[in-house]
């Protein structure tokens, strides 16, 4: 899975691949599609506020044949920004910059490739409750200093803090899904991530843990086409017999 993550350098390419090959990846027991929406991250362990970002990725829902009420969910969230905002300003060891941002604030943006591994339980025809884990590979991290000169946040400075954060993250994931159609079809999802790894390598700042709420939509790609193809194959087999 991480080989796939490492080779996924651009969100646009992932979307293109999904659109082109979605019907090939869908089958009777596998639903493949795009997962995107808004995420609201914050950091446990440092005074800060919840931030807001967009996320985008692809998913696989794999039916467990032994029990049709259980589904294994995985995939890759290719664009996933965690962190927080309204973090207290610290010294940049530059008198001019320190003076410029003295009354400002910081938004911490840590970009990950995230891989959820979740078991979902079907409740009724449309609801699913899920529990599992999510793994993260950090590829960028910045503290964005902002301050007001004339308009809000019209003065900004971005500091690379990649070396101050851990490359890997991991934690627990809980989810609620509601399918708009009882079988394969678009569904709404609410997910909560509870990080268990201290991602801060600067001991003097204490331990920091990622938390995030995801609110999004899962859109199957090519599932309708795949279903029609299976029905056509079944019909042809029946005519042959």
Protein backbone atom coordinates (compact mmCIF):
# COMPACT_ATOMS: atom_id res chain seq x y z
CA UNK A 1 0.00 0.00 0.00
CA UNK A 2 2.79 2.44 0.84
CA UNK A 3 4.39 1.77 -2.58
CA UNK A 4 1.14 2.99 -4.08
CA UNK A 5 1.19 6.03 -1.80
CA UNK A 6 4.76 6.95 -2.67
CA UNK A 7 4.07 6.85 -6.38
CA UNK A 8 0.96 9.05 -6.02
CA UNK A 9 2.61 12.44 -6.41
CA UNK A 10 -0.32 14.47 -7.73
CA UNK A 11 -4.00 14.53 -6.83
CA UNK A 12 -4.94 15.23 -10.45
CA UNK A 13 -3.33 12.03 -11.67
CA UNK A 14 -5.20 9.97 -9.08
CA UNK A 15 -8.52 11.47 -10.15
CA UNK A 16 -7.72 10.80 -13.81
CA UNK A 17 -6.77 7.18 -13.10
CA UNK A 18 -9.97 6.71 -11.09
CA UNK A 19 -12.14 8.06 -13.90
CA UNK A 20 -10.39 5.96 -16.55
CA UNK A 21 -10.23 2.64 -14.72
CA UNK A 22 -13.06 2.83 -12.19
CA UNK A 23 -15.21 0.34 -14.08
CA UNK A 24 -12.28 -2.14 -14.17
CA UNK A 25 -11.77 -1.93 -10.41
CA UNK A 26 -15.44 -2.37 -9.49
CA UNK A 27 -16.88 -5.87 -9.21
CA UNK A 28 -19.70 -7.69 -7.46
CA UNK A 29 -17.83 -7.64 -4.14
CA UNK A 30 -15.65 -4.52 -4.55
CA UNK A 31 -16.81 -0.92 -4.77
CA UNK A 32 -14.20 1.60 -5.92
CA UNK A 33 -14.57 5.37 -6.11
CA UNK A 34 -13.55 8.87 -5.05
CA UNK A 35 -13.79 10.16 -1.49
CA UNK A 36 -13.65 13.91 -0.88
CA UNK A 37 -14.96 16.74 1.21
CA UNK A 38 -13.93 18.93 4.14
CA UNK A 39 -11.72 18.02 7.08
CA UNK A 40 -11.38 19.91 10.33
CA UNK A 41 -8.07 19.11 12.05
CA UNK A 42 -6.62 20.24 15.36
CA UNK A 43 -3.62 19.37 17.50
CA UNK A 44 -3.86 17.84 20.96
CA UNK A 45 -1.09 19.10 23.23
CA UNK A 46 -0.69 22.69 22.09
CA UNK A 47 -3.03 25.70 22.51
CA UNK A 48 -4.71 26.07 19.11
CA UNK A 49 -8.00 26.11 17.25
CA UNK A 50 -9.64 23.78 14.73
CA UNK A 51 -8.57 24.48 11.17
CA UNK A 52 -10.49 23.74 7.96
CA UNK A 53 -9.24 22.12 4.75
CA UNK A 54 -10.35 20.01 1.82
CA UNK A 55 -9.42 16.36 1.39
CA UNK A 56 -9.51 14.07 -1.64
CA UNK A 57 -8.67 10.45 -2.28
CA UNK A 58 -10.01 7.12 -3.46
CA UNK A 59 -11.50 4.20 -1.60
CA UNK A 60 -12.27 0.49 -1.83
CA UNK A 61 -15.24 -1.11 -0.06
CA UNK A 62 -14.64 -4.86 -0.06
CA UNK A 63 -17.55 -7.13 0.90
CA UNK A 64 -16.67 -9.92 3.30
CA UNK A 65 -18.21 -12.97 1.65
CA UNK A 66 -18.56 -14.96 4.87
CA UNK A 67 -20.87 -12.27 6.31
CA UNK A 68 -22.59 -9.78 3.98
CA UNK A 69 -23.18 -7.33 6.83
CA UNK A 70 -19.45 -6.60 7.15
CA UNK A 71 -17.34 -4.51 4.75
CA UNK A 72 -13.59 -3.80 4.74
CA UNK A 73 -12.79 -0.20 3.77
CA UNK A 74 -9.38 1.04 2.60
CA UNK A 75 -7.84 3.34 0.00
CA UNK A 76 -5.61 6.42 0.04
CA UNK A 77 -6.46 9.99 1.02
CA UNK A 78 -3.99 11.63 -1.36
CA UNK A 79 -4.66 15.22 -0.34
CA UNK A 80 -4.93 15.36 3.43
CA UNK A 81 -3.84 18.37 5.50
CA UNK A 82 -3.73 18.06 9.28
CA UNK A 83 -2.53 20.54 11.90
CA UNK A 84 -4.28 23.50 13.52
CA UNK A 85 -4.58 27.28 13.50
CA UNK A 86 -4.31 30.18 15.96
CA UNK A 87 -1.10 28.74 17.37
CA UNK A 88 0.91 31.20 19.45
CA UNK A 89 3.72 32.95 17.57
CA UNK A 90 7.29 31.94 18.46
CA UNK A 91 10.63 33.54 17.62
CA UNK A 92 12.04 33.13 14.11
CA UNK A 93 15.47 34.32 15.31
CA UNK A 94 15.13 37.30 13.02
CA UNK A 95 14.38 40.68 14.67
CA UNK A 96 12.54 42.08 11.65
CA UNK A 97 10.33 39.00 11.21
CA UNK A 98 9.68 38.71 14.95
CA UNK A 99 8.54 42.35 15.03
CA UNK A 100 6.32 41.86 11.97
CA UNK A 101 4.46 38.87 13.39
CA UNK A 102 4.54 39.69 17.12
CA UNK A 103 0.76 40.18 17.31
CA UNK A 104 -0.08 37.58 14.65
CA UNK A 105 -0.81 33.86 14.71
CA UNK A 106 0.33 30.59 13.14
CA UNK A 107 -1.49 28.00 11.06
CA UNK A 108 0.29 24.63 11.06
CA UNK A 109 -0.21 22.65 7.84
CA UNK A 110 1.06 19.06 7.79
CA UNK A 111 0.40 17.21 4.54
CA UNK A 112 -0.02 13.44 4.59
CA UNK A 113 -0.81 10.48 2.42
CA UNK A 114 -3.33 8.68 4.65
CA UNK A 115 -4.37 5.03 4.39
CA UNK A 116 -7.54 4.06 6.34
CA UNK A 117 -8.04 0.41 7.34
CA UNK A 118 -11.59 0.17 8.65
CA UNK A 119 -14.14 -2.60 9.23
CA UNK A 120 -17.71 -1.40 8.66
CA UNK A 121 -20.90 -3.02 9.99
CA UNK A 122 -24.09 -2.63 7.98
CA UNK A 123 -27.12 -1.46 9.96
CA UNK A 124 -30.37 -1.77 8.04
CA UNK A 125 -30.21 -0.99 4.33
CA UNK A 126 -28.28 2.28 4.28
CA UNK A 127 -26.27 2.92 7.45
CA UNK A 128 -22.75 1.64 8.19
CA UNK A 129 -20.73 2.06 11.37
CA UNK A 130 -16.96 1.60 11.09
CA UNK A 131 -13.95 1.24 13.37
CA UNK A 132 -10.30 0.71 12.58
CA UNK A 133 -7.03 2.55 12.11
CA UNK A 134 -5.45 5.08 9.76
CA UNK A 135 -1.78 5.29 8.80
CA UNK A 136 -0.11 8.48 7.61
CA UNK A 137 3.03 9.33 5.66
CA UNK A 138 4.03 12.99 6.01
CA UNK A 139 5.47 14.65 2.91
CA UNK A 140 5.27 18.38 3.75
CA UNK A 141 4.92 20.49 6.89
CA UNK A 142 4.80 24.28 7.26
CA UNK A 143 4.02 26.88 9.88
CA UNK A 144 2.32 29.80 8.16
CA UNK A 145 2.77 33.02 10.13
CA UNK A 146 0.10 35.66 9.45
CA UNK A 147 -0.62 39.15 10.68
CA UNK A 148 -2.79 42.10 9.76
CA UNK A 149 -1.37 45.25 8.22
CA UNK A 150 -4.40 46.64 6.35
CA UNK A 151 -6.64 43.62 5.83
CA UNK A 152 -6.85 40.35 7.76
CA UNK A 153 -3.89 38.02 7.16
CA UNK A 154 -2.40 40.25 4.44
CA UNK A 155 1.10 39.62 5.81
CA UNK A 156 2.33 36.02 5.77
CA UNK A 157 5.50 33.98 6.03
CA UNK A 158 5.84 30.20 5.55
CA UNK A 159 8.42 28.24 7.55
CA UNK A 160 9.32 24.65 6.62
CA UNK A 161 9.03 22.50 9.78
CA UNK A 162 9.32 19.10 8.12
CA UNK A 163 12.38 18.18 10.20
CA UNK A 164 10.46 18.99 13.39
CA UNK A 165 7.70 16.45 12.70
CA UNK A 166 7.73 12.67 12.46
CA UNK A 167 7.50 11.08 9.02
CA UNK A 168 4.87 8.56 10.16
CA UNK A 169 1.59 8.92 11.98
CA UNK A 170 -0.98 6.35 13.08
CA UNK A 171 -4.16 6.29 15.09
CA UNK A 172 -7.77 5.16 15.42
CA UNK A 173 -10.51 5.87 12.90
CA UNK A 174 -14.28 5.77 13.46
CA UNK A 175 -16.83 6.33 10.71
CA UNK A 176 -20.54 6.62 9.92
CA UNK A 177 -21.75 6.15 6.35
CA UNK A 178 -25.19 6.69 4.86
CA UNK A 179 -25.82 5.30 1.37
CA UNK A 180 -28.22 7.30 -0.78
CA UNK A 181 -28.98 4.03 -2.61
CA UNK A 182 -29.30 0.66 -0.91
CA UNK A 183 -26.76 -1.02 -3.22
CA UNK A 184 -23.75 0.56 -4.97
CA UNK A 185 -24.18 4.33 -5.03
CA UNK A 186 -23.05 7.67 -3.62
CA UNK A 187 -22.87 7.82 0.17
CA UNK A 188 -22.29 10.47 2.80
CA UNK A 189 -19.65 9.88 5.43
CA UNK A 190 -18.51 11.28 8.73
CA UNK A 191 -15.12 10.14 10.05
CA UNK A 192 -13.10 10.94 13.15
CA UNK A 193 -9.35 10.39 13.42
CA UNK A 194 -7.66 10.05 16.81
CA UNK A 195 -3.88 10.11 16.44
CA UNK A 196 -1.82 7.97 18.80
CA UNK A 197 1.68 9.04 17.69
CA UNK A 198 3.49 12.06 19.08
CA UNK A 199 4.30 13.85 15.82
CA UNK A 200 6.43 16.61 17.42
CA UNK A 201 10.19 15.99 17.52
CA UNK A 202 10.96 19.17 19.49
CA UNK A 203 10.95 17.97 23.11
CA UNK A 204 10.75 21.48 24.58
CA UNK A 205 7.34 21.98 22.93
CA UNK A 206 5.81 18.84 24.42
CA UNK A 207 3.85 16.07 22.74
CA UNK A 208 1.46 16.85 19.86
CA UNK A 209 -1.18 14.46 18.50
CA UNK A 210 -3.25 14.79 15.33
CA UNK A 211 -7.02 14.86 15.54
CA UNK A 212 -9.42 15.46 12.65
CA UNK A 213 -13.09 15.33 11.67
CA UNK A 214 -13.82 14.40 8.04
CA UNK A 215 -17.14 15.24 6.41
CA UNK A 216 -17.40 14.04 2.83
CA UNK A 217 -19.00 12.16 -0.03
CA UNK A 218 -17.97 8.81 -1.53
CA UNK A 219 -18.75 8.54 -5.24
CA UNK A 220 -18.40 5.12 -6.92
CA UNK A 221 -16.68 5.28 -10.32
CA UNK A 222 -17.93 2.95 -13.04
CA UNK A 223 -20.05 0.79 -10.71
CA UNK A 224 -23.17 1.19 -12.84
CA UNK A 225 -21.24 0.22 -15.97
CA UNK A 226 -19.76 -2.80 -14.20
CA UNK A 227 -23.18 -3.91 -13.00
CA UNK A 228 -24.61 -3.71 -16.52
CA UNK A 229 -21.65 -5.69 -17.85
CA UNK A 230 -22.24 -8.45 -15.28
CA UNK A 231 -25.95 -8.54 -16.12
CA UNK A 232 -25.11 -8.79 -19.81
CA UNK A 233 -22.68 -11.63 -19.16
CA UNK A 234 -25.29 -13.47 -17.07
CA UNK A 235 -27.89 -12.96 -19.79
CA UNK A 236 -25.51 -14.26 -22.49
CA UNK A 237 -24.69 -17.29 -20.38
CA UNK A 238 -28.39 -18.00 -19.94
CA UNK A 239 -29.03 -17.78 -23.68
CA UNK A 240 -26.10 -20.12 -24.35
CA UNK A 241 -27.48 -22.69 -21.94
